[in-house]
C-alpha atoms as a PDB file:
ATOM      1  CA  MET A   1       1.200  40.221  34.169  1.00  0.00           C
ATOM      2  CA  LYS A   2      -2.329  38.925  33.574  1.00  0.00           C
ATOM      3  CA  ASP A   3      -4.447  38.904  36.734  1.00  0.00           C
ATOM      4  CA  LEU A   4      -5.771  35.516  37.786  1.00  0.00           C
ATOM      5  CA  SER A   5      -9.438  34.980  38.544  1.00  0.00           C
ATOM      6  CA  PRO A   6     -10.544  33.351  41.828  1.00  0.00           C
ATOM      7  CA  SER A   7     -11.489  30.184  39.912  1.00  0.00           C
ATOM      8  CA  ASP A   8      -7.981  29.970  38.462  1.00  0.00           C
ATOM      9  CA  LEU A   9      -6.502  30.121  41.969  1.00  0.00           C
ATOM     10  CA  LYS A  10      -8.472  27.104  43.177  1.00  0.00           C
ATOM     11  CA  THR A  11      -7.571  24.670  40.398  1.00  0.00           C
ATOM     12  CA  ILE A  12      -5.204  22.676  42.656  1.00  0.00           C
ATOM     13  CA  LEU A  13      -7.227  20.606  45.128  1.00  0.00           C
ATOM     14  CA  HIS A  14      -6.432  21.442  48.728  1.00  0.00           C
ATOM     15  CA  SER A  15      -5.673  17.813  49.463  1.00  0.00           C
ATOM     16  CA  LYS A  16      -2.979  17.930  46.766  1.00  0.00           C
ATOM     17  CA  ARG A  17      -1.432  21.291  47.657  1.00  0.00           C
ATOM     18  CA  ALA A  18       2.194  21.125  48.702  1.00  0.00           C
ATOM     19  CA  ASN A  19       2.882  24.233  50.776  1.00  0.00           C
ATOM     20  CA  LEU A  20       2.307  25.373  54.339  1.00  0.00           C
ATOM     21  CA  TYR A  21       4.182  28.549  55.313  1.00  0.00           C
ATOM     22  CA  TYR A  22       5.231  30.016  58.650  1.00  0.00           C
ATOM     23  CA  LEU A  23       6.642  33.550  58.446  1.00  0.00           C
ATOM     24  CA  GLU A  24       8.345  35.808  60.996  1.00  0.00           C
ATOM     25  CA  TYR A  25       9.556  39.411  60.905  1.00  0.00           C
ATOM     26  CA  CYS A  26       8.299  40.313  57.474  1.00  0.00           C
ATOM     27  CA  ARG A  27       5.531  42.158  55.658  1.00  0.00           C
ATOM     28  CA  VAL A  28       3.100  40.266  53.438  1.00  0.00           C
ATOM     29  CA  MET A  29       1.683  42.237  50.526  1.00  0.00           C
ATOM     30  CA  GLN A  30       0.177  42.031  47.057  1.00  0.00           C
ATOM     31  CA  LYS A  31       2.275  43.229  44.142  1.00  0.00           C
ATOM     32  CA  ASP A  32       1.627  42.813  40.422  1.00  0.00           C
ATOM     33  CA  GLY A  33      -1.046  40.182  40.966  1.00  0.00           C
ATOM     34  CA  ARG A  34       1.108  38.093  43.319  1.00  0.00           C
ATOM     35  CA  VAL A  35       1.369  37.708  47.083  1.00  0.00           C
ATOM     36  CA  LEU A  36       4.889  38.451  48.330  1.00  0.00           C
ATOM     37  CA  TYR A  37       6.611  38.771  51.649  1.00  0.00           C
ATOM     38  CA  LEU A  38       9.221  41.439  52.251  1.00  0.00           C
ATOM     39  CA  THR A  39      12.175  41.030  54.595  1.00  0.00           C
ATOM     40  CA  GLU A  40      14.431  43.873  55.640  1.00  0.00           C
ATOM     41  CA  ALA A  41      18.059  42.993  55.039  1.00  0.00           C
ATOM     42  CA  LYS A  42      20.978  45.115  56.192  1.00  0.00           C
ATOM     43  CA  ASP A  43      21.674  46.677  52.809  1.00  0.00           C
ATOM     44  CA  GLU A  44      18.444  46.096  50.885  1.00  0.00           C
ATOM     45  CA  ASN A  45      14.913  44.746  51.131  1.00  0.00           C
ATOM     46  CA  GLN A  46      14.218  41.335  49.668  1.00  0.00           C
ATOM     47  CA  TYR A  47      10.971  40.085  48.135  1.00  0.00           C
ATOM     48  CA  PHE A  48       9.911  36.439  48.025  1.00  0.00           C
ATOM     49  CA  ASN A  49       6.924  35.043  46.162  1.00  0.00           C
ATOM     50  CA  ILE A  50       4.275  32.884  47.886  1.00  0.00           C
ATOM     51  CA  PRO A  51       2.683  30.424  45.405  1.00  0.00           C
ATOM     52  CA  ILE A  52      -0.803  30.843  46.855  1.00  0.00           C
ATOM     53  CA  ALA A  53      -2.539  28.530  44.374  1.00  0.00           C
ATOM     54  CA  ASN A  54      -0.472  25.657  45.775  1.00  0.00           C
ATOM     55  CA  THR A  55      -0.678  26.681  49.453  1.00  0.00           C
ATOM     56  CA  THR A  56      -3.022  25.407  52.155  1.00  0.00           C
ATOM     57  CA  VAL A  57      -2.072  27.465  55.221  1.00  0.00           C
ATOM     58  CA  LEU A  58      -0.169  30.693  55.883  1.00  0.00           C
ATOM     59  CA  LEU A  59       0.856  31.099  59.514  1.00  0.00           C
ATOM     60  CA  LEU A  60       2.135  34.530  60.625  1.00  0.00           C
ATOM     61  CA  GLY A  61       4.382  34.694  63.673  1.00  0.00           C
ATOM     62  CA  ASN A  62       6.177  37.478  65.531  1.00  0.00           C
ATOM     63  CA  GLY A  63       6.919  40.758  63.776  1.00  0.00           C
ATOM     64  CA  THR A  64       4.606  40.242  60.806  1.00  0.00           C
ATOM     65  CA  SER A  65       2.058  42.459  59.080  1.00  0.00           C
ATOM     66  CA  ILE A  66      -0.206  41.880  56.112  1.00  0.00           C
ATOM     67  CA  THR A  67      -2.060  44.170  53.733  1.00  0.00           C
ATOM     68  CA  GLN A  68      -5.758  44.040  52.923  1.00  0.00           C
ATOM     69  CA  ALA A  69      -4.979  43.379  49.257  1.00  0.00           C
ATOM     70  CA  ALA A  70      -2.876  40.349  50.186  1.00  0.00           C
ATOM     71  CA  VAL A  71      -5.646  38.971  52.403  1.00  0.00           C
ATOM     72  CA  ARG A  72      -8.110  39.379  49.539  1.00  0.00           C
ATOM     73  CA  MET A  73      -5.904  37.326  47.183  1.00  0.00           C
ATOM     74  CA  LEU A  74      -5.306  34.663  49.839  1.00  0.00           C
ATOM     75  CA  ALA A  75      -9.070  34.369  50.343  1.00  0.00           C
ATOM     76  CA  GLN A  76      -9.646  34.045  46.612  1.00  0.00           C
ATOM     77  CA  ALA A  77      -7.109  31.205  46.502  1.00  0.00           C
ATOM     78  CA  GLY A  78      -8.702  29.474  49.486  1.00  0.00           C
ATOM     79  CA  VAL A  79      -5.665  29.814  51.767  1.00  0.00           C
ATOM     80  CA  LEU A  80      -6.269  29.661  55.521  1.00  0.00           C
ATOM     81  CA  LEU A  81      -4.583  32.471  57.435  1.00  0.00           C
ATOM     82  CA  GLY A  82      -3.460  32.165  61.031  1.00  0.00           C
ATOM     83  CA  PHE A  83      -1.664  34.361  63.582  1.00  0.00           C
ATOM     84  CA  ALA A  84       0.615  32.769  66.163  1.00  0.00           C
ATOM     85  CA  GLY A  85       3.414  33.490  68.578  1.00  0.00           C
ATOM     86  CA  GLY A  86       7.067  32.688  68.016  1.00  0.00           C
ATOM     87  CA  GLY A  87       7.837  29.420  66.273  1.00  0.00           C
ATOM     88  CA  GLY A  88       4.196  28.776  65.472  1.00  0.00           C
ATOM     89  CA  THR A  89       3.165  28.277  69.094  1.00  0.00           C
ATOM     90  CA  PRO A  90       0.042  30.077  70.389  1.00  0.00           C
ATOM     91  CA  LEU A  91      -0.255  33.792  70.878  1.00  0.00           C
ATOM     92  CA  TYR A  92      -3.787  34.443  72.087  1.00  0.00           C
ATOM     93  CA  MET A  93      -4.067  33.717  75.828  1.00  0.00           C
ATOM     94  CA  GLY A  94      -1.319  31.161  75.299  1.00  0.00           C
ATOM     95  CA  ASN A  95      -3.742  28.393  74.364  1.00  0.00           C
ATOM     96  CA  GLU A  96      -5.465  28.908  71.040  1.00  0.00           C
ATOM     97  CA  ILE A  97      -4.644  30.125  67.584  1.00  0.00           C
ATOM     98  CA  GLU A  98      -7.078  32.218  65.570  1.00  0.00           C
ATOM     99  CA  TRP A  99      -7.774  30.803  62.105  1.00  0.00           C
ATOM    100  CA  LEU A 100      -9.122  33.196  59.495  1.00  0.00           C
ATOM    101  CA  THR A 101     -11.035  31.160  56.938  1.00  0.00           C
ATOM    102  CA  PRO A 102     -11.730  32.511  53.454  1.00  0.00           C
ATOM    103  CA  GLN A 103     -15.332  33.586  53.006  1.00  0.00           C
ATOM    104  CA  SER A 104     -17.500  32.590  50.074  1.00  0.00           C
ATOM    105  CA  GLU A 105     -21.206  32.440  49.319  1.00  0.00           C
ATOM    106  CA  TYR A 106     -20.659  29.133  47.559  1.00  0.00           C
ATOM    107  CA  ARG A 107     -19.355  26.683  50.116  1.00  0.00           C
ATOM    108  CA  PRO A 108     -20.175  22.959  49.648  1.00  0.00           C
ATOM    109  CA  THR A 109     -23.307  21.891  51.541  1.00  0.00           C
ATOM    110  CA  GLU A 110     -23.362  18.119  51.079  1.00  0.00           C
ATOM    111  CA  TYR A 111     -20.880  17.298  53.828  1.00  0.00           C
ATOM    112  CA  ILE A 112     -22.312  19.569  56.532  1.00  0.00           C
ATOM    113  CA  GLN A 113     -25.835  18.309  55.784  1.00  0.00           C
ATOM    114  CA  ARG A 114     -24.686  14.703  56.120  1.00  0.00           C
ATOM    115  CA  TRP A 115     -22.673  15.596  59.233  1.00  0.00           C
ATOM    116  CA  MET A 116     -25.709  17.101  60.898  1.00  0.00           C
ATOM    117  CA  SER A 117     -27.747  13.974  60.112  1.00  0.00           C
ATOM    118  CA  PHE A 118     -25.804  12.121  62.838  1.00  0.00           C
ATOM    119  CA  TRP A 119     -24.361  14.870  65.031  1.00  0.00           C
ATOM    120  CA  PHE A 120     -27.419  15.428  67.230  1.00  0.00           C
ATOM    121  CA  ASP A 121     -27.656  11.709  68.015  1.00  0.00           C
ATOM    122  CA  ASP A 122     -25.346  10.889  70.947  1.00  0.00           C
ATOM    123  CA  ASP A 123     -24.867   7.246  69.964  1.00  0.00           C
ATOM    124  CA  LYS A 124     -24.101   8.021  66.316  1.00  0.00           C
ATOM    125  CA  ARG A 125     -21.705  10.803  67.297  1.00  0.00           C
ATOM    126  CA  LEU A 126     -19.895   8.449  69.666  1.00  0.00           C
ATOM    127  CA  ASN A 127     -19.653   5.847  66.906  1.00  0.00           C
ATOM    128  CA  VAL A 128     -18.028   8.404  64.590  1.00  0.00           C
ATOM    129  CA  ALA A 129     -15.552   9.327  67.338  1.00  0.00           C
ATOM    130  CA  LYS A 130     -14.632   5.642  67.621  1.00  0.00           C
ATOM    131  CA  GLN A 131     -14.117   5.456  63.866  1.00  0.00           C
ATOM    132  CA  PHE A 132     -11.715   8.411  64.049  1.00  0.00           C
ATOM    133  CA  GLN A 133      -9.789   6.736  66.869  1.00  0.00           C
ATOM    134  CA  ALA A 134      -9.501   3.521  64.872  1.00  0.00           C
ATOM    135  CA  ALA A 135      -8.301   5.486  61.828  1.00  0.00           C
ATOM    136  CA  ARG A 136      -5.753   7.257  64.027  1.00  0.00           C
ATOM    137  CA  ILE A 137      -4.179   3.944  65.049  1.00  0.00           C
ATOM    138  CA  GLU A 138      -4.357   2.622  61.494  1.00  0.00           C
ATOM    139  CA  TYR A 139      -2.426   5.678  60.298  1.00  0.00           C
ATOM    140  CA  LEU A 140       0.176   5.352  63.079  1.00  0.00           C
ATOM    141  CA  GLN A 141       0.742   1.704  62.177  1.00  0.00           C
ATOM    142  CA  ARG A 142       1.013   2.570  58.489  1.00  0.00           C
ATOM    143  CA  VAL A 143       3.516   5.401  59.006  1.00  0.00           C
ATOM    144  CA  TRP A 144       5.705   3.656  61.593  1.00  0.00           C
ATOM    145  CA  SER A 145       5.888   0.457  59.513  1.00  0.00           C
ATOM    146  CA  LYS A 146       6.728   2.375  56.316  1.00  0.00           C
ATOM    147  CA  ASP A 147       9.063   5.180  57.426  1.00  0.00           C
ATOM    148  CA  LYS A 148      12.679   3.943  57.305  1.00  0.00           C
ATOM    149  CA  GLU A 149      13.994   6.963  59.218  1.00  0.00           C
ATOM    150  CA  LEU A 150      11.625   6.297  62.115  1.00  0.00           C
ATOM    151  CA  LYS A 151      12.685   2.665  62.184  1.00  0.00           C
ATOM    152  CA  GLN A 152      16.334   3.735  62.367  1.00  0.00           C
ATOM    153  CA  GLU A 153      15.446   5.858  65.396  1.00  0.00           C
ATOM    154  CA  GLY A 154      13.818   2.881  67.118  1.00  0.00           C
ATOM    155  CA  PHE A 155      10.171   3.747  66.494  1.00  0.00           C
ATOM    156  CA  ILE A 156       8.884   0.262  65.759  1.00  0.00           C
ATOM    157  CA  LEU A 157       5.529  -1.406  66.296  1.00  0.00           C
ATOM    158  CA  ASN A 158       6.730  -4.762  67.649  1.00  0.00           C
ATOM    159  CA  ASP A 159       7.823  -3.247  70.963  1.00  0.00           C
ATOM    160  CA  ASN A 160       6.041  -5.051  73.805  1.00  0.00           C
ATOM    161  CA  ASN A 161       4.867  -1.848  75.495  1.00  0.00           C
ATOM    162  CA  ILE A 162       3.515  -0.423  72.233  1.00  0.00           C
ATOM    163  CA  GLU A 163       1.724  -3.644  71.332  1.00  0.00           C
ATOM    164  CA  ALA A 164       0.126  -3.834  74.786  1.00  0.00           C
ATOM    165  CA  ALA A 165      -0.871  -0.156  74.701  1.00  0.00           C
ATOM    166  CA  LEU A 166      -2.484  -0.466  71.267  1.00  0.00           C
ATOM    167  CA  ALA A 167      -4.372  -3.599  72.292  1.00  0.00           C
ATOM    168  CA  THR A 168      -5.672  -1.871  75.427  1.00  0.00           C
ATOM    169  CA  PHE A 169      -6.576   1.204  73.404  1.00  0.00           C
ATOM    170  CA  GLU A 170      -8.608  -0.863  70.941  1.00  0.00           C
ATOM    171  CA  GLN A 171     -10.455  -2.733  73.685  1.00  0.00           C
ATOM    172  CA  ARG A 172     -11.305   0.386  75.700  1.00  0.00           C
ATOM    173  CA  THR A 173     -12.291   2.346  72.605  1.00  0.00           C
ATOM    174  CA  THR A 174     -14.696  -0.389  71.529  1.00  0.00           C
ATOM    175  CA  SER A 175     -16.310  -0.577  74.968  1.00  0.00           C
ATOM    176  CA  ALA A 176     -16.484   3.196  75.561  1.00  0.00           C
ATOM    177  CA  LYS A 177     -19.943   4.484  76.496  1.00  0.00           C
ATOM    178  CA  LYS A 178     -19.285   8.218  76.196  1.00  0.00           C
ATOM    179  CA  SER A 179     -16.767  10.632  74.715  1.00  0.00           C
ATOM    180  CA  ALA A 180     -15.142  11.163  78.119  1.00  0.00           C
ATOM    181  CA  ASP A 181     -14.155   7.476  78.072  1.00  0.00           C
ATOM    182  CA  LEU A 182     -12.491   7.982  74.692  1.00  0.00           C
ATOM    183  CA  LEU A 183     -10.594  11.036  75.914  1.00  0.00           C
ATOM    184  CA  LEU A 184      -9.297   9.111  78.930  1.00  0.00           C
ATOM    185  CA  THR A 185      -8.237   6.181  76.733  1.00  0.00           C
ATOM    186  CA  GLU A 186      -6.524   8.601  74.340  1.00  0.00           C
ATOM    187  CA  ALA A 187      -4.630  10.249  77.200  1.00  0.00           C
ATOM    188  CA  GLN A 188      -3.426   6.872  78.470  1.00  0.00           C
ATOM    189  CA  LEU A 189      -2.126   5.848  75.043  1.00  0.00           C
ATOM    190  CA  THR A 190      -0.420   9.191  74.470  1.00  0.00           C
ATOM    191  CA  LYS A 191       1.314   8.891  77.853  1.00  0.00           C
ATOM    192  CA  VAL A 192       2.755   5.522  76.776  1.00  0.00           C
ATOM    193  CA  LEU A 193       3.882   6.979  73.439  1.00  0.00           C
ATOM    194  CA  TYR A 194       5.573   9.927  75.188  1.00  0.00           C
ATOM    195  CA  LYS A 195       7.450   7.539  77.474  1.00  0.00           C
ATOM    196  CA  PHE A 196       8.435   5.326  74.542  1.00  0.00           C
ATOM    197  CA  ALA A 197       9.681   8.319  72.519  1.00  0.00           C
ATOM    198  CA  ALA A 198      11.564   9.758  75.493  1.00  0.00           C
ATOM    199  CA  ASN A 199      13.319   6.440  76.145  1.00  0.00           C
ATOM    200  CA  ASN A 200      14.180   6.032  72.459  1.00  0.00           C
ATOM    201  CA  THR A 201      15.806   9.435  72.273  1.00  0.00           C
ATOM    202  CA  GLY A 202      17.394   9.544  75.710  1.00  0.00           C
ATOM    203  CA  THR A 203      15.145  12.357  76.896  1.00  0.00           C
ATOM    204  CA  THR A 204      15.161  12.457  80.702  1.00  0.00           C
ATOM    205  CA  ASN A 205      12.545  13.871  83.067  1.00  0.00           C
ATOM    206  CA  PHE A 206      10.103  14.670  80.275  1.00  0.00           C
ATOM    207  CA  SER A 207       6.821  16.255  81.367  1.00  0.00           C
ATOM    208  CA  ARG A 208       4.288  17.412  78.791  1.00  0.00           C
ATOM    209  CA  GLN A 209       3.650  21.164  78.795  1.00  0.00           C
ATOM    210  CA  HIS A 210       0.897  22.156  76.360  1.00  0.00           C
ATOM    211  CA  GLN A 211       1.297  25.908  76.717  1.00  0.00           C
ATOM    212  CA  ALA A 212       4.222  27.824  75.289  1.00  0.00           C
ATOM    213  CA  SER A 213       6.640  28.867  77.986  1.00  0.00           C
ATOM    214  CA  ALA A 214       8.292  32.248  78.276  1.00  0.00           C
ATOM    215  CA  LYS A 215      11.357  30.621  79.835  1.00  0.00           C
ATOM    216  CA  LYS A 216      14.380  30.387  77.600  1.00  0.00           C
ATOM    217  CA  ASN A 217      15.384  27.035  79.073  1.00  0.00           C
ATOM    218  CA  THR A 218      12.139  25.249  78.222  1.00  0.00           C
ATOM    219  CA  ASP A 219      12.850  21.831  76.731  1.00  0.00           C
ATOM    220  CA  LYS A 220      12.832  21.511  72.975  1.00  0.00           C
ATOM    221  CA  ALA A 221      10.662  18.391  72.896  1.00  0.00           C
ATOM    222  CA  ASN A 222       7.734  20.328  74.340  1.00  0.00           C
ATOM    223  CA  ASP A 223       8.375  23.292  72.061  1.00  0.00           C
ATOM    224  CA  PHE A 224       8.457  21.053  69.001  1.00  0.00           C
ATOM    225  CA  LEU A 225       5.320  19.175  70.083  1.00  0.00           C
ATOM    226  CA  ASN A 226       3.437  22.464  70.420  1.00  0.00           C
ATOM    227  CA  HIS A 227       4.806  23.731  67.116  1.00  0.00           C
ATOM    228  CA  GLY A 228       4.040  20.525  65.214  1.00  0.00           C
ATOM    229  CA  ASN A 229       0.562  20.235  66.688  1.00  0.00           C
ATOM    230  CA  TYR A 230      -0.342  23.692  65.416  1.00  0.00           C
ATOM    231  CA  LEU A 231       0.842  22.780  61.947  1.00  0.00           C
ATOM    232  CA  ALA A 232      -1.482  19.766  62.159  1.00  0.00           C
ATOM    233  CA  TYR A 233      -4.294  22.066  63.316  1.00  0.00           C
ATOM    234  CA  GLY A 234      -3.743  24.123  60.173  1.00  0.00           C
ATOM    235  CA  LEU A 235      -4.214  21.061  57.965  1.00  0.00           C
ATOM    236  CA  ALA A 236      -7.293  20.008  59.934  1.00  0.00           C
ATOM    237  CA  ALA A 237      -8.824  23.491  59.679  1.00  0.00           C
ATOM    238  CA  THR A 238      -8.161  23.495  55.945  1.00  0.00           C
ATOM    239  CA  THR A 239      -9.860  20.116  55.535  1.00  0.00           C
ATOM    240  CA  LEU A 240     -12.977  21.250  57.371  1.00  0.00           C
ATOM    241  CA  TRP A 241     -13.157  24.594  55.564  1.00  0.00           C
ATOM    242  CA  VAL A 242     -12.868  22.991  52.124  1.00  0.00           C
ATOM    243  CA  LEU A 243     -15.619  20.484  52.977  1.00  0.00           C
ATOM    244  CA  GLY A 244     -17.794  23.195  54.527  1.00  0.00           C
ATOM    245  CA  ILE A 245     -18.024  21.686  58.031  1.00  0.00           C
ATOM    246  CA  PRO A 246     -17.922  24.250  60.901  1.00  0.00           C
ATOM    247  CA  HIS A 247     -15.253  23.690  63.539  1.00  0.00           C
ATOM    248  CA  GLY A 248     -17.740  23.601  66.396  1.00  0.00           C
ATOM    249  CA  PHE A 249     -19.390  20.272  65.527  1.00  0.00           C
ATOM    250  CA  ALA A 250     -16.892  18.049  67.319  1.00  0.00           C
ATOM    251  CA  VAL A 251     -17.431  14.354  67.934  1.00  0.00           C
ATOM    252  CA  MET A 252     -15.027  13.809  70.817  1.00  0.00           C
ATOM    253  CA  HIS A 253     -13.514  16.986  72.241  1.00  0.00           C
ATOM    254  CA  GLY A 254     -15.669  19.304  74.337  1.00  0.00           C
ATOM    255  CA  LYS A 255     -18.757  20.684  72.608  1.00  0.00           C
ATOM    256  CA  THR A 256     -18.156  24.020  74.369  1.00  0.00           C
ATOM    257  CA  ARG A 257     -14.836  24.557  72.524  1.00  0.00           C
ATOM    258  CA  ARG A 258     -15.467  26.501  69.347  1.00  0.00           C
ATOM    259  CA  GLY A 259     -12.707  24.829  67.376  1.00  0.00           C
ATOM    260  CA  ALA A 260     -12.958  21.359  68.903  1.00  0.00           C
ATOM    261  CA  LEU A 261     -13.519  19.525  65.612  1.00  0.00           C
ATOM    262  CA  VAL A 262     -10.124  20.829  64.451  1.00  0.00           C
ATOM    263  CA  PHE A 263      -8.577  18.961  67.399  1.00  0.00           C
ATOM    264  CA  ASP A 264     -10.516  15.802  66.528  1.00  0.00           C
ATOM    265  CA  ILE A 265      -9.218  15.797  62.951  1.00  0.00           C
ATOM    266  CA  ALA A 266      -5.652  16.833  63.817  1.00  0.00           C
ATOM    267  CA  ASP A 267      -5.449  13.880  66.223  1.00  0.00           C
ATOM    268  CA  LEU A 268      -5.617  11.566  63.212  1.00  0.00           C
ATOM    269  CA  ILE A 269      -1.974  12.308  62.370  1.00  0.00           C
ATOM    270  CA  LYS A 270      -0.313  13.816  65.460  1.00  0.00           C
ATOM    271  CA  ASP A 271       0.812  10.592  67.143  1.00  0.00           C
ATOM    272  CA  ALA A 272       2.121   9.098  63.906  1.00  0.00           C
ATOM    273  CA  ILE A 273       4.231  12.060  62.743  1.00  0.00           C
ATOM    274  CA  VAL A 274       4.476  15.016  65.130  1.00  0.00           C
ATOM    275  CA  LEU A 275       5.162  13.069  68.324  1.00  0.00           C
ATOM    276  CA  PRO A 276       8.170  10.980  67.220  1.00  0.00           C
ATOM    277  CA  TRP A 277       9.819  13.748  65.212  1.00  0.00           C
ATOM    278  CA  ALA A 278       9.477  16.270  68.043  1.00  0.00           C
ATOM    279  CA  PHE A 279      11.623  14.012  70.232  1.00  0.00           C
ATOM    280  CA  ILE A 280      14.039  13.074  67.454  1.00  0.00           C
ATOM    281  CA  CYS A 281      14.646  16.697  66.445  1.00  0.00           C
ATOM    282  CA  ALA A 282      15.012  17.719  70.091  1.00  0.00           C
ATOM    283  CA  LYS A 283      17.661  15.010  70.540  1.00  0.00           C
ATOM    284  CA  GLU A 284      19.502  16.344  67.481  1.00  0.00           C
ATOM    285  CA  ASN A 285      19.234  19.910  68.822  1.00  0.00           C
ATOM    286  CA  ALA A 286      17.522  21.032  65.616  1.00  0.00           C
ATOM    287  CA  THR A 287      16.349  24.593  65.110  1.00  0.00           C
ATOM    288  CA  GLU A 288      12.649  25.402  64.855  1.00  0.00           C
ATOM    289  CA  GLN A 289      13.045  25.931  61.118  1.00  0.00           C
ATOM    290  CA  GLU A 290      14.730  22.540  60.690  1.00  0.00           C
ATOM    291  CA  PHE A 291      12.005  20.843  62.731  1.00  0.00           C
ATOM    292  CA  ARG A 292       9.268  22.598  60.744  1.00  0.00           C
ATOM    293  CA  GLN A 293      10.828  21.545  57.435  1.00  0.00           C
ATOM    294  CA  GLN A 294      11.095  17.952  58.670  1.00  0.00           C
ATOM    295  CA  ILE A 295       7.453  17.833  59.799  1.00  0.00           C
ATOM    296  CA  LEU A 296       6.125  19.382  56.603  1.00  0.00           C
ATOM    297  CA  GLN A 297       8.165  16.946  54.538  1.00  0.00           C
ATOM    298  CA  LYS A 298       6.739  14.020  56.510  1.00  0.00           C
ATOM    299  CA  PHE A 299       3.213  15.400  56.095  1.00  0.00           C
ATOM    300  CA  THR A 300       3.853  15.286  52.355  1.00  0.00           C
ATOM    301  CA  ASP A 301       5.592  11.893  52.328  1.00  0.00           C
ATOM    302  CA  HIS A 302       2.762  10.209  54.218  1.00  0.00           C
ATOM    303  CA  LYS A 303      -0.055  12.181  52.561  1.00  0.00           C
ATOM    304  CA  ALA A 304      -1.379  13.502  55.857  1.00  0.00           C
ATOM    305  CA  LEU A 305      -3.773  15.995  54.283  1.00  0.00           C
ATOM    306  CA  ASP A 306      -5.158  13.361  51.900  1.00  0.00           C
ATOM    307  CA  PHE A 307      -5.747  11.072  54.866  1.00  0.00           C
ATOM    308  CA  MET A 308      -7.667  13.786  56.734  1.00  0.00           C
ATOM    309  CA  PHE A 309      -9.862  14.474  53.718  1.00  0.00           C
ATOM    310  CA  ASP A 310     -10.535  10.776  53.150  1.00  0.00           C
ATOM    311  CA  GLN A 311     -11.543  10.141  56.755  1.00  0.00           C
ATOM    312  CA  VAL A 312     -13.821  13.178  57.103  1.00  0.00           C
ATOM    313  CA  LYS A 313     -15.529  12.498  53.768  1.00  0.00           C
ATOM    314  CA  LYS A 314     -15.932   8.816  54.629  1.00  0.00           C
ATOM    315  CA  VAL A 315     -17.594   9.631  57.949  1.00  0.00           C
ATOM    316  CA  ALA A 316     -19.773  12.400  56.530  1.00  0.00           C
ATOM    317  CA  LEU A 317     -21.093  10.315  53.651  1.00  0.00           C
ATOM    318  CA  GLN A 318     -21.514   6.956  55.387  1.00  0.00           C
ATOM    319  CA  GLY A 319     -25.071   5.733  55.182  1.00  0.00           C
ATOM    320  CA  LYS A 320     -25.750   8.002  52.208  1.00  0.00           C
ATOM    321  CA  ASN A 321     -26.915   5.200  49.941  1.00  0.00           C
ATOM    322  CA  GLU A 322     -29.140   3.710  52.607  1.00  0.00           C
ATOM    323  CA  GLN A 323     -30.788   7.077  53.227  1.00  0.00           C
ATOM    324  CA  GLU A 324     -31.397   7.600  49.523  1.00  0.00           C
ATOM    325  CA  VAL A 325     -32.934   4.119  49.182  1.00  0.00           C
ATOM    326  CA  ALA A 326     -35.208   4.844  52.134  1.00  0.00           C
ATOM    327  CA  ILE A 327     -36.367   8.094  50.530  1.00  0.00           C
ATOM    328  CA  LEU A 328     -37.086   6.313  47.236  1.00  0.00           C
END
């Protein structure tokens, strides 16, 4: 088999790539110019191919190992590599996943240079955070009004509580004076959405738990929310890596959190897709694999990765023409 060059492996734009993988109890390796994962069956070992040129994120869970040769090929293809606990929920200290981004001397510079042109200005950074919050609501409205399955489950926009919450969110976001105000407004909206989703699905006594629990009787809604959020973090990390923007230059989440910009970008799609389907799948007693397949399908259906790219590029390049005119 002819070996592929690194340039060949990057021909599919990341925003158009279809695959995000989560693997457990297997060994990832390179064989004959391909990246495979090996599972140990009772009678024989089985190999499965990973189409790395069409993959954005590879997430390795419990019982996995990976060879150096496989990592090299994943890096050449621009695939982000992450290690997590069971079901995609965090492993390290129970609160953060470690993303391994491919390294290259030739990362794009335009977006980070434009990003830095506003990042050190508090007012401009706050304005960008407000733009992301507005885009977040725009995406939620688009998905919930378009997705027939969500409508069948009762996730509709003309609910009185939802309409009131969105109106309050818009007003408080517009009048916010600092990022802490935005975070408080976000928390208040999310609380309303949790209550709405719980009522829709008949989930009683729901209380949000962000950290993975070691208890076997932990509720599935929380497990699925954690799992789905980390899939969204993978897409957000991919977006930022492709555009060459470091994860530390957040606009809303704490500037002391190294990966805070990943959280900012992931928030663009979490409420629209992850939140409702976590409750729906919990109601249906779905397995983690079934939930993961559902979320990834919805990411594809509603072009979540495209939306992330569009919003980050729009923010990074805004004012570009004005700056160039001023220089001239």
